[in-house]
PDB file of all heavy atoms in Angstrom:
ATOM      1  N   ARG A   1       0.856  -1.167  -0.081  1.00  0.00           N
ATOM      2  CA  ARG A   1       0.056  -0.024  -0.026  1.00  0.00           C
ATOM      3  C   ARG A   1       0.893   1.185   0.029  1.00  0.00           C
ATOM      4  O   ARG A   1       0.533   2.244  -0.758  1.00  0.00           O
ATOM      5  CB  ARG A   1      -0.861  -0.006   1.273  1.00  0.00           C
ATOM      6  CG  ARG A   1      -2.152  -0.780   1.214  1.00  0.00           C
ATOM      7  CD  ARG A   1      -3.025  -0.514   2.342  1.00  0.00           C
ATOM      8  NE  ARG A   1      -3.807  -1.581   2.727  1.00  0.00           N
ATOM      9  CZ  ARG A   1      -3.480  -2.185   4.018  1.00  0.00           C
ATOM     10  NH1 ARG A   1      -2.557  -1.825   4.709  1.00  0.00           N
ATOM     11  NH2 ARG A   1      -4.289  -3.218   4.322  1.00  0.00           N
ATOM     12  N   ALA A   2       1.821   1.294   0.909  1.00  0.00           N
ATOM     13  CA  ALA A   2       2.830   2.420   0.960  1.00  0.00           C
ATOM     14  C   ALA A   2       3.501   2.618  -0.325  1.00  0.00           C
ATOM     15  O   ALA A   2       3.674   3.763  -0.789  1.00  0.00           O
ATOM     16  CB  ALA A   2       3.696   2.239   2.113  1.00  0.00           C
ATOM     17  N   GLN A   3       3.984   1.607  -0.961  1.00  0.00           N
ATOM     18  CA  GLN A   3       4.627   1.766  -2.287  1.00  0.00           C
ATOM     19  C   GLN A   3       3.793   2.291  -3.419  1.00  0.00           C
ATOM     20  O   GLN A   3       4.134   3.124  -4.132  1.00  0.00           O
ATOM     21  CB  GLN A   3       5.196   0.319  -2.666  1.00  0.00           C
ATOM     22  CG  GLN A   3       6.384  -0.204  -1.939  1.00  0.00           C
ATOM     23  CD  GLN A   3       6.795  -1.582  -2.163  1.00  0.00           C
ATOM     24  OE1 GLN A   3       5.949  -2.337  -2.555  1.00  0.00           O
ATOM     25  NE2 GLN A   3       7.912  -1.851  -1.922  1.00  0.00           N
ATOM     26  N   LEU A   4       2.595   1.815  -3.306  1.00  0.00           N
ATOM     27  CA  LEU A   4       1.485   2.328  -4.314  1.00  0.00           C
ATOM     28  C   LEU A   4       1.143   3.696  -4.126  1.00  0.00           C
ATOM     29  O   LEU A   4       1.099   4.515  -5.132  1.00  0.00           O
ATOM     30  CB  LEU A   4       0.328   1.476  -4.250  1.00  0.00           C
ATOM     31  CG  LEU A   4      -0.839   1.491  -5.445  1.00  0.00           C
ATOM     32  CD1 LEU A   4      -0.031   1.216  -6.811  1.00  0.00           C
ATOM     33  CD2 LEU A   4      -1.892   0.606  -5.177  1.00  0.00           C
ATOM     34  N   LYS A   5       0.963   4.215  -2.889  1.00  0.00           N
ATOM     35  CA  LYS A   5       0.631   5.636  -2.710  1.00  0.00           C
ATOM     36  C   LYS A   5       1.891   6.439  -2.954  1.00  0.00           C
ATOM     37  O   LYS A   5       1.711   7.561  -3.536  1.00  0.00           O
ATOM     38  CB  LYS A   5       0.270   5.739  -1.193  1.00  0.00           C
ATOM     39  CG  LYS A   5      -1.214   5.105  -0.864  1.00  0.00           C
ATOM     40  CD  LYS A   5      -1.714   5.590   0.549  1.00  0.00           C
ATOM     41  CE  LYS A   5      -0.887   4.839   1.570  1.00  0.00           C
ATOM     42  NZ  LYS A   5      -1.527   5.214   2.972  1.00  0.00           N
ATOM     43  N   ALA A   6       3.032   5.938  -2.551  1.00  0.00           N
ATOM     44  CA  ALA A   6       4.313   6.837  -2.813  1.00  0.00           C
ATOM     45  C   ALA A   6       4.534   7.012  -4.363  1.00  0.00           C
ATOM     46  O   ALA A   6       4.875   8.071  -4.762  1.00  0.00           O
ATOM     47  CB  ALA A   6       5.440   6.267  -2.144  1.00  0.00           C
ATOM     48  N   GLY A   7       4.276   5.980  -5.058  1.00  0.00           N
ATOM     49  CA  GLY A   7       4.470   5.998  -6.323  1.00  0.00           C
ATOM     50  C   GLY A   7       3.460   6.987  -7.094  1.00  0.00           C
ATOM     51  O   GLY A   7       3.917   7.859  -7.969  1.00  0.00           O
ATOM     52  N   LEU A   8       2.283   7.058  -6.648  1.00  0.00           N
ATOM     53  CA  LEU A   8       1.339   7.975  -7.112  1.00  0.00           C
ATOM     54  C   LEU A   8       1.638   9.396  -6.816  1.00  0.00           C
ATOM     55  O   LEU A   8       1.671  10.263  -7.690  1.00  0.00           O
ATOM     56  CB  LEU A   8      -0.107   7.661  -6.487  1.00  0.00           C
ATOM     57  CG  LEU A   8      -1.186   8.691  -6.514  1.00  0.00           C
ATOM     58  CD1 LEU A   8      -1.652   8.725  -8.120  1.00  0.00           C
ATOM     59  CD2 LEU A   8      -2.386   8.403  -5.779  1.00  0.00           C
ATOM     60  N   LEU A   9       1.900   9.644  -5.551  1.00  0.00           N
ATOM     61  CA  LEU A   9       2.251  11.067  -5.030  1.00  0.00           C
ATOM     62  C   LEU A   9       3.570  11.489  -5.697  1.00  0.00           C
ATOM     63  O   LEU A   9       3.632  12.708  -6.049  1.00  0.00           O
ATOM     64  CB  LEU A   9       2.206  11.103  -3.649  1.00  0.00           C
ATOM     65  CG  LEU A   9       0.817  10.773  -2.895  1.00  0.00           C
ATOM     66  CD1 LEU A   9       0.926  10.705  -1.255  1.00  0.00           C
ATOM     67  CD2 LEU A   9      -0.244  11.741  -3.319  1.00  0.00           C
ATOM     68  N   MET A  10       4.524  10.687  -5.647  1.00  0.00           N
ATOM     69  CA  MET A  10       5.800  11.176  -6.289  1.00  0.00           C
ATOM     70  C   MET A  10       5.651  11.477  -7.782  1.00  0.00           C
ATOM     71  O   MET A  10       6.270  12.401  -8.269  1.00  0.00           O
ATOM     72  CB  MET A  10       6.893  10.092  -6.146  1.00  0.00           C
ATOM     73  CG  MET A  10       7.354   9.879  -4.684  1.00  0.00           C
ATOM     74  SD  MET A  10       8.541   8.638  -4.536  1.00  0.00           S
ATOM     75  CE  MET A  10       8.741   8.442  -2.712  1.00  0.00           C
ATOM     76  N   GLY A  11       4.899  10.693  -8.429  1.00  0.00           N
ATOM     77  CA  GLY A  11       4.638  10.796  -9.926  1.00  0.00           C
ATOM     78  C   GLY A  11       3.811  12.138 -10.082  1.00  0.00           C
ATOM     79  O   GLY A  11       4.203  12.898 -11.146  1.00  0.00           O
ATOM     80  N   LEU A  12       3.094  12.577  -9.159  1.00  0.00           N
ATOM     81  CA  LEU A  12       2.235  13.899  -9.410  1.00  0.00           C
ATOM     82  C   LEU A  12       2.987  15.069  -9.078  1.00  0.00           C
ATOM     83  O   LEU A  12       2.655  16.254  -9.398  1.00  0.00           O
ATOM     84  CB  LEU A  12       1.071  13.786  -8.431  1.00  0.00           C
ATOM     85  CG  LEU A  12       0.015  12.695  -8.817  1.00  0.00           C
ATOM     86  CD1 LEU A  12      -1.248  12.857  -7.794  1.00  0.00           C
ATOM     87  CD2 LEU A  12      -0.388  12.634 -10.251  1.00  0.00           C
ATOM     88  N   GLU A  13       4.221  15.019  -8.527  1.00  0.00           N
ATOM     89  CA  GLU A  13       5.157  16.129  -8.351  1.00  0.00           C
ATOM     90  C   GLU A  13       5.785  16.697  -9.679  1.00  0.00           C
ATOM     91  O   GLU A  13       6.304  17.642  -9.774  1.00  0.00           O
ATOM     92  CB  GLU A  13       6.217  15.866  -7.349  1.00  0.00           C
ATOM     93  CG  GLU A  13       5.627  15.597  -5.924  1.00  0.00           C
ATOM     94  CD  GLU A  13       6.776  15.248  -4.912  1.00  0.00           C
ATOM     95  OE1 GLU A  13       7.949  15.157  -5.286  1.00  0.00           O
ATOM     96  OE2 GLU A  13       6.448  15.183  -3.724  1.00  0.00           O
ATOM     97  N   SER A  14       5.756  15.814 -10.697  1.00  0.00           N
ATOM     98  CA  SER A  14       6.213  16.220 -12.047  1.00  0.00           C
ATOM     99  C   SER A  14       4.967  16.669 -12.816  1.00  0.00           C
ATOM    100  O   SER A  14       3.946  16.063 -12.990  1.00  0.00           O
ATOM    101  CB  SER A  14       6.774  14.970 -12.703  1.00  0.00           C
ATOM    102  OG  SER A  14       6.807  15.055 -14.124  1.00  0.00           O
ATOM    103  N   PRO A  15       5.056  17.824 -13.481  1.00  0.00           N
ATOM    104  CA  PRO A  15       3.984  18.337 -14.375  1.00  0.00           C
ATOM    105  C   PRO A  15       3.602  17.351 -15.534  1.00  0.00           C
ATOM    106  O   PRO A  15       2.428  17.173 -15.819  1.00  0.00           O
ATOM    107  CB  PRO A  15       4.604  19.547 -14.918  1.00  0.00           C
ATOM    108  CG  PRO A  15       5.556  20.060 -13.883  1.00  0.00           C
ATOM    109  CD  PRO A  15       6.225  18.857 -13.455  1.00  0.00           C
ATOM    110  N   THR A  16       4.625  16.625 -16.044  1.00  0.00           N
ATOM    111  CA  THR A  16       4.435  15.644 -17.192  1.00  0.00           C
ATOM    112  C   THR A  16       3.583  14.472 -16.542  1.00  0.00           C
ATOM    113  O   THR A  16       2.552  14.057 -17.188  1.00  0.00           O
ATOM    114  CB  THR A  16       5.689  15.206 -17.712  1.00  0.00           C
ATOM    115  OG1 THR A  16       6.421  16.336 -18.173  1.00  0.00           O
ATOM    116  CG2 THR A  16       5.399  14.225 -18.913  1.00  0.00           C
ATOM    117  N   GLY A  17       3.946  14.039 -15.385  1.00  0.00           N
ATOM    118  CA  GLY A  17       3.283  12.863 -14.743  1.00  0.00           C
ATOM    119  C   GLY A  17       1.802  13.367 -14.262  1.00  0.00           C
ATOM    120  O   GLY A  17       0.780  12.569 -14.492  1.00  0.00           O
ATOM    121  N   GLN A  18       1.657  14.617 -13.841  1.00  0.00           N
ATOM    122  CA  GLN A  18       0.405  15.172 -13.538  1.00  0.00           C
ATOM    123  C   GLN A  18      -0.508  15.139 -14.815  1.00  0.00           C
ATOM    124  O   GLN A  18      -1.743  14.698 -14.763  1.00  0.00           O
ATOM    125  CB  GLN A  18       0.499  16.465 -12.985  1.00  0.00           C
ATOM    126  CG  GLN A  18      -0.806  17.089 -12.574  1.00  0.00           C
ATOM    127  CD  GLN A  18      -1.359  16.572 -11.227  1.00  0.00           C
ATOM    128  OE1 GLN A  18      -2.368  15.803 -11.272  1.00  0.00           O
ATOM    129  NE2 GLN A  18      -0.799  16.807 -10.116  1.00  0.00           N
ATOM    130  N   ALA A  19      -0.074  15.805 -15.889  1.00  0.00           N
ATOM    131  CA  ALA A  19      -0.866  15.813 -17.075  1.00  0.00           C
ATOM    132  C   ALA A  19      -1.156  14.447 -17.693  1.00  0.00           C
ATOM    133  O   ALA A  19      -2.392  14.211 -18.039  1.00  0.00           O
ATOM    134  CB  ALA A  19      -0.010  16.564 -18.255  1.00  0.00           C
ATOM    135  N   GLU A  20      -0.249  13.545 -17.662  1.00  0.00           N
ATOM    136  CA  GLU A  20      -0.528  12.121 -18.095  1.00  0.00           C
ATOM    137  C   GLU A  20      -1.585  11.556 -17.252  1.00  0.00           C
ATOM    138  O   GLU A  20      -2.627  11.014 -17.775  1.00  0.00           O
ATOM    139  CB  GLU A  20       0.766  11.298 -17.985  1.00  0.00           C
ATOM    140  CG  GLU A  20       0.574   9.883 -18.165  1.00  0.00           C
ATOM    141  CD  GLU A  20       0.516   9.359 -19.593  1.00  0.00           C
ATOM    142  OE1 GLU A  20       0.942  10.145 -20.368  1.00  0.00           O
ATOM    143  OE2 GLU A  20       0.007   8.203 -19.758  1.00  0.00           O
ATOM    144  N   ARG A  21      -1.588  11.626 -15.953  1.00  0.00           N
ATOM    145  CA  ARG A  21      -2.585  10.924 -15.027  1.00  0.00           C
ATOM    146  C   ARG A  21      -4.043  11.662 -15.393  1.00  0.00           C
ATOM    147  O   ARG A  21      -4.903  10.970 -15.362  1.00  0.00           O
ATOM    148  CB  ARG A  21      -2.151  11.158 -13.647  1.00  0.00           C
ATOM    149  CG  ARG A  21      -3.374  10.662 -12.629  1.00  0.00           C
ATOM    150  CD  ARG A  21      -3.008  10.927 -11.237  1.00  0.00           C
ATOM    151  NE  ARG A  21      -4.030  10.569 -10.358  1.00  0.00           N
ATOM    152  CZ  ARG A  21      -5.076  11.348  -9.964  1.00  0.00           C
ATOM    153  NH1 ARG A  21      -4.950  12.692 -10.217  1.00  0.00           N
ATOM    154  NH2 ARG A  21      -5.899  10.990  -9.194  1.00  0.00           N
ATOM    155  N   MET A  22      -3.963  12.956 -15.457  1.00  0.00           N
ATOM    156  CA  MET A  22      -5.297  13.650 -15.708  1.00  0.00           C
ATOM    157  C   MET A  22      -5.969  13.162 -17.027  1.00  0.00           C
ATOM    158  O   MET A  22      -7.166  12.872 -17.047  1.00  0.00           O
ATOM    159  CB  MET A  22      -5.241  15.188 -15.673  1.00  0.00           C
ATOM    160  CG  MET A  22      -4.791  15.737 -14.395  1.00  0.00           C
ATOM    161  SD  MET A  22      -4.866  17.576 -14.259  1.00  0.00           S
ATOM    162  CE  MET A  22      -3.781  18.010 -15.522  1.00  0.00           C
ATOM    163  N   ALA A  23      -5.147  13.191 -18.132  1.00  0.00           N
ATOM    164  CA  ALA A  23      -5.702  12.868 -19.350  1.00  0.00           C
ATOM    165  C   ALA A  23      -6.139  11.343 -19.334  1.00  0.00           C
ATOM    166  O   ALA A  23      -7.277  10.965 -19.855  1.00  0.00           O
ATOM    167  CB  ALA A  23      -4.560  12.961 -20.415  1.00  0.00           C
ATOM    168  N   ARG A  24      -5.332  10.424 -18.711  1.00  0.00           N
ATOM    169  CA  ARG A  24      -5.720   9.014 -18.757  1.00  0.00           C
ATOM    170  C   ARG A  24      -7.005   8.810 -17.915  1.00  0.00           C
ATOM    171  O   ARG A  24      -7.848   7.997 -18.325  1.00  0.00           O
ATOM    172  CB  ARG A  24      -4.622   8.104 -18.348  1.00  0.00           C
ATOM    173  CG  ARG A  24      -3.406   8.109 -19.297  1.00  0.00           C
ATOM    174  CD  ARG A  24      -3.762   7.699 -20.672  1.00  0.00           C
ATOM    175  NE  ARG A  24      -4.247   6.175 -20.706  1.00  0.00           N
ATOM    176  CZ  ARG A  24      -5.277   5.714 -21.279  1.00  0.00           C
ATOM    177  NH1 ARG A  24      -6.054   6.599 -21.951  1.00  0.00           N
ATOM    178  NH2 ARG A  24      -5.560   4.452 -21.274  1.00  0.00           N
ATOM    179  N   SER A  25      -7.084   9.437 -16.752  1.00  0.00           N
ATOM    180  CA  SER A  25      -8.070   9.248 -15.864  1.00  0.00           C
ATOM    181  C   SER A  25      -9.480   9.680 -16.412  1.00  0.00           C
ATOM    182  O   SER A  25     -10.480   9.077 -16.465  1.00  0.00           O
ATOM    183  CB  SER A  25      -7.941  10.070 -14.526  1.00  0.00           C
ATOM    184  OG  SER A  25      -6.827   9.474 -13.831  1.00  0.00           O
ATOM    185  N   LEU A  26      -9.291  10.963 -17.157  1.00  0.00           N
ATOM    186  CA  LEU A  26     -10.478  11.444 -17.772  1.00  0.00           C
ATOM    187  C   LEU A  26     -10.968  10.605 -18.871  1.00  0.00           C
ATOM    188  O   LEU A  26     -12.183  10.354 -19.122  1.00  0.00           O
ATOM    189  CB  LEU A  26     -10.163  12.869 -18.285  1.00  0.00           C
ATOM    190  CG  LEU A  26     -11.352  13.710 -18.772  1.00  0.00           C
ATOM    191  CD1 LEU A  26     -12.345  14.029 -17.602  1.00  0.00           C
ATOM    192  CD2 LEU A  26     -10.776  15.123 -19.338  1.00  0.00           C
ATOM    193  N   ALA A  27      -9.980  10.031 -19.600  1.00  0.00           N
ATOM    194  CA  ALA A  27     -10.393   9.108 -20.780  1.00  0.00           C
ATOM    195  C   ALA A  27     -11.054   7.889 -20.131  1.00  0.00           C
ATOM    196  O   ALA A  27     -11.997   7.360 -20.836  1.00  0.00           O
ATOM    197  CB  ALA A  27      -9.187   8.708 -21.609  1.00  0.00           C
ATOM    198  N   ILE A  28     -10.596   7.330 -19.227  1.00  0.00           N
ATOM    199  CA  ILE A  28     -11.002   5.952 -18.541  1.00  0.00           C
ATOM    200  C   ILE A  28     -12.239   6.122 -17.770  1.00  0.00           C
ATOM    201  O   ILE A  28     -13.279   5.465 -18.047  1.00  0.00           O
ATOM    202  CB  ILE A  28      -9.889   5.316 -17.794  1.00  0.00           C
ATOM    203  CG1 ILE A  28      -8.644   5.027 -18.690  1.00  0.00           C
ATOM    204  CG2 ILE A  28     -10.415   4.110 -17.028  1.00  0.00           C
ATOM    205  CD1 ILE A  28      -7.434   4.727 -17.951  1.00  0.00           C
ATOM    206  N   TRP A  29     -12.298   7.136 -16.873  1.00  0.00           N
ATOM    207  CA  TRP A  29     -13.431   7.136 -15.932  1.00  0.00           C
ATOM    208  C   TRP A  29     -14.213   8.370 -16.127  1.00  0.00           C
ATOM    209  O   TRP A  29     -15.223   8.406 -15.359  1.00  0.00           O
ATOM    210  CB  TRP A  29     -12.752   7.094 -14.500  1.00  0.00           C
ATOM    211  CG  TRP A  29     -12.150   5.930 -13.953  1.00  0.00           C
ATOM    212  CD1 TRP A  29     -12.832   4.705 -13.770  1.00  0.00           C
ATOM    213  CD2 TRP A  29     -10.703   5.624 -13.792  1.00  0.00           C
ATOM    214  NE1 TRP A  29     -11.857   3.655 -13.383  1.00  0.00           N
ATOM    215  CE2 TRP A  29     -10.626   4.339 -13.337  1.00  0.00           C
ATOM    216  CE3 TRP A  29      -9.582   6.427 -13.864  1.00  0.00           C
ATOM    217  CZ2 TRP A  29      -9.362   3.691 -13.099  1.00  0.00           C
ATOM    218  CZ3 TRP A  29      -8.397   5.891 -13.539  1.00  0.00           C
ATOM    219  CH2 TRP A  29      -8.198   4.514 -13.166  1.00  0.00           C
ATOM    220  N   GLY A  30     -13.863   9.286 -17.061  1.00  0.00           N
ATOM    221  CA  GLY A  30     -14.664  10.506 -17.196  1.00  0.00           C
ATOM    222  C   GLY A  30     -14.496  11.506 -16.013  1.00  0.00           C
ATOM    223  O   GLY A  30     -15.316  12.562 -16.055  1.00  0.00           O
ATOM    224  N   ARG A  31     -13.512  11.320 -15.130  1.00  0.00           N
ATOM    225  CA  ARG A  31     -13.312  12.227 -14.134  1.00  0.00           C
ATOM    226  C   ARG A  31     -11.891  12.043 -13.627  1.00  0.00           C
ATOM    227  O   ARG A  31     -11.191  11.152 -14.064  1.00  0.00           O
ATOM    228  CB  ARG A  31     -14.195  11.946 -12.936  1.00  0.00           C
ATOM    229  CG  ARG A  31     -14.034  10.682 -12.252  1.00  0.00           C
ATOM    230  CD  ARG A  31     -15.218  10.364 -11.263  1.00  0.00           C
ATOM    231  NE  ARG A  31     -14.990  11.240 -10.012  1.00  0.00           N
ATOM    232  CZ  ARG A  31     -14.322  10.690  -8.991  1.00  0.00           C
ATOM    233  NH1 ARG A  31     -13.724   9.594  -8.939  1.00  0.00           N
ATOM    234  NH2 ARG A  31     -14.235  11.551  -7.833  1.00  0.00           N
ATOM    235  N   VAL A  32     -11.385  12.916 -12.855  1.00  0.00           N
ATOM    236  CA  VAL A  32     -10.106  12.959 -12.303  1.00  0.00           C
ATOM    237  C   VAL A  32     -10.051  12.959 -10.811  1.00  0.00           C
ATOM    238  O   VAL A  32     -10.590  13.945 -10.205  1.00  0.00           O
ATOM    239  CB  VAL A  32      -9.169  14.108 -12.785  1.00  0.00           C
ATOM    240  CG1 VAL A  32      -7.752  13.869 -12.227  1.00  0.00           C
ATOM    241  CG2 VAL A  32      -9.084  14.124 -14.320  1.00  0.00           C
ATOM    242  N   ALA A  33      -9.912  11.772 -10.127  1.00  0.00           N
ATOM    243  CA  ALA A  33     -10.035  11.618  -8.732  1.00  0.00           C
ATOM    244  C   ALA A  33      -8.865  12.309  -8.113  1.00  0.00           C
ATOM    245  O   ALA A  33      -7.818  12.472  -8.510  1.00  0.00           O
ATOM    246  CB  ALA A  33      -9.984  10.312  -8.324  1.00  0.00           C
ATOM    247  N   ASP A  34      -9.196  13.125  -6.898  1.00  0.00           N
ATOM    248  CA  ASP A  34      -8.189  13.718  -6.033  1.00  0.00           C
ATOM    249  C   ASP A  34      -7.247  12.582  -5.582  1.00  0.00           C
ATOM    250  O   ASP A  34      -7.634  11.532  -5.163  1.00  0.00           O
ATOM    251  CB  ASP A  34      -8.836  14.425  -4.982  1.00  0.00           C
ATOM    252  CG  ASP A  34      -7.862  15.399  -4.263  1.00  0.00           C
ATOM    253  OD1 ASP A  34      -7.607  16.409  -4.632  1.00  0.00           O
ATOM    254  OD2 ASP A  34      -7.400  14.806  -3.091  1.00  0.00           O
ATOM    255  N   PRO A  35      -5.931  12.910  -5.468  1.00  0.00           N
ATOM    256  CA  PRO A  35      -4.989  12.029  -4.869  1.00  0.00           C
ATOM    257  C   PRO A  35      -5.361  11.428  -3.540  1.00  0.00           C
ATOM    258  O   PRO A  35      -5.227  10.223  -3.231  1.00  0.00           O
ATOM    259  CB  PRO A  35      -3.671  12.809  -4.809  1.00  0.00           C
ATOM    260  CG  PRO A  35      -3.835  13.744  -5.967  1.00  0.00           C
ATOM    261  CD  PRO A  35      -5.274  14.155  -5.966  1.00  0.00           C
ATOM    262  N   ALA A  36      -6.048  12.288  -2.791  1.00  0.00           N
ATOM    263  CA  ALA A  36      -6.458  11.934  -1.425  1.00  0.00           C
ATOM    264  C   ALA A  36      -7.575  10.774  -1.531  1.00  0.00           C
ATOM    265  O   ALA A  36      -7.519   9.955  -0.683  1.00  0.00           O
ATOM    266  CB  ALA A  36      -7.120  13.097  -0.582  1.00  0.00           C
ATOM    267  N   GLU A  37      -8.427  10.905  -2.409  1.00  0.00           N
ATOM    268  CA  GLU A  37      -9.455   9.906  -2.645  1.00  0.00           C
ATOM    269  C   GLU A  37      -8.923   8.619  -3.066  1.00  0.00           C
ATOM    270  O   GLU A  37      -9.246   7.621  -2.656  1.00  0.00           O
ATOM    271  CB  GLU A  37     -10.414  10.331  -3.752  1.00  0.00           C
ATOM    272  CG  GLU A  37     -11.539   9.382  -4.152  1.00  0.00           C
ATOM    273  CD  GLU A  37     -12.399   9.945  -5.387  1.00  0.00           C
ATOM    274  OE1 GLU A  37     -12.288  11.056  -5.494  1.00  0.00           O
ATOM    275  OE2 GLU A  37     -13.042   8.991  -5.872  1.00  0.00           O
ATOM    276  N   VAL A  38      -7.860   8.635  -3.990  1.00  0.00           N
ATOM    277  CA  VAL A  38      -7.211   7.491  -4.446  1.00  0.00           C
ATOM    278  C   VAL A  38      -6.451   6.774  -3.324  1.00  0.00           C
ATOM    279  O   VAL A  38      -6.529   5.558  -3.191  1.00  0.00           O
ATOM    280  CB  VAL A  38      -6.247   7.653  -5.568  1.00  0.00           C
ATOM    281  CG1 VAL A  38      -5.518   6.555  -6.008  1.00  0.00           C
ATOM    282  CG2 VAL A  38      -7.009   8.333  -6.821  1.00  0.00           C
ATOM    283  N   ALA A  39      -5.824   7.640  -2.489  1.00  0.00           N
ATOM    284  CA  ALA A  39      -5.068   7.071  -1.295  1.00  0.00           C
ATOM    285  C   ALA A  39      -6.021   6.346  -0.294  1.00  0.00           C
ATOM    286  O   ALA A  39      -5.705   5.275   0.216  1.00  0.00           O
ATOM    287  CB  ALA A  39      -4.440   8.227  -0.539  1.00  0.00           C
ATOM    288  N   GLU A  40      -7.260   6.882  -0.184  1.00  0.00           N
ATOM    289  CA  GLU A  40      -8.217   6.340   0.650  1.00  0.00           C
ATOM    290  C   GLU A  40      -8.700   4.981   0.080  1.00  0.00           C
ATOM    291  O   GLU A  40      -8.866   3.985   0.795  1.00  0.00           O
ATOM    292  CB  GLU A  40      -9.485   7.321   0.746  1.00  0.00           C
ATOM    293  CG  GLU A  40      -9.236   8.442   1.622  1.00  0.00           C
ATOM    294  CD  GLU A  40     -10.481   9.319   1.877  1.00  0.00           C
ATOM    295  OE1 GLU A  40     -11.614   8.974   1.282  1.00  0.00           O
ATOM    296  OE2 GLU A  40     -10.439  10.403   2.350  1.00  0.00           O
ATOM    297  N   ARG A  41      -8.873   4.778  -1.145  1.00  0.00           N
ATOM    298  CA  ARG A  41      -9.317   3.631  -1.793  1.00  0.00           C
ATOM    299  C   ARG A  41      -8.054   2.512  -1.677  1.00  0.00           C
ATOM    300  O   ARG A  41      -8.374   1.365  -1.491  1.00  0.00           O
ATOM    301  CB  ARG A  41      -9.586   3.766  -3.265  1.00  0.00           C
ATOM    302  CG  ARG A  41     -10.766   4.629  -3.591  1.00  0.00           C
ATOM    303  CD  ARG A  41     -11.198   4.677  -4.910  1.00  0.00           C
ATOM    304  NE  ARG A  41     -12.264   5.614  -5.192  1.00  0.00           N
ATOM    305  CZ  ARG A  41     -12.839   5.765  -6.264  1.00  0.00           C
ATOM    306  NH1 ARG A  41     -12.311   5.280  -7.487  1.00  0.00           N
ATOM    307  NH2 ARG A  41     -13.792   6.631  -6.504  1.00  0.00           N
ATOM    308  N   ILE A  42      -6.939   3.017  -1.687  1.00  0.00           N
ATOM    309  CA  ILE A  42      -5.777   2.060  -1.525  1.00  0.00           C
ATOM    310  C   ILE A  42      -5.782   1.584  -0.149  1.00  0.00           C
ATOM    311  O   ILE A  42      -5.538   0.377   0.254  1.00  0.00           O
ATOM    312  CB  ILE A  42      -4.437   2.719  -1.936  1.00  0.00           C
ATOM    313  CG1 ILE A  42      -4.440   2.983  -3.442  1.00  0.00           C
ATOM    314  CG2 ILE A  42      -3.269   1.913  -1.491  1.00  0.00           C
ATOM    315  CD1 ILE A  42      -3.259   3.924  -3.868  1.00  0.00           C
TER     316      ILE A  42
END
């Protein structure tokens, strides 16, 4: 769990990683979940 959350949050510190996540999340789920929401699910 810690590795998964750390990978998510560390990736979001990069603008490129952030843009990639937003685009893919929007394409897949039609929304962009807040990192805190994803961490809660993990």
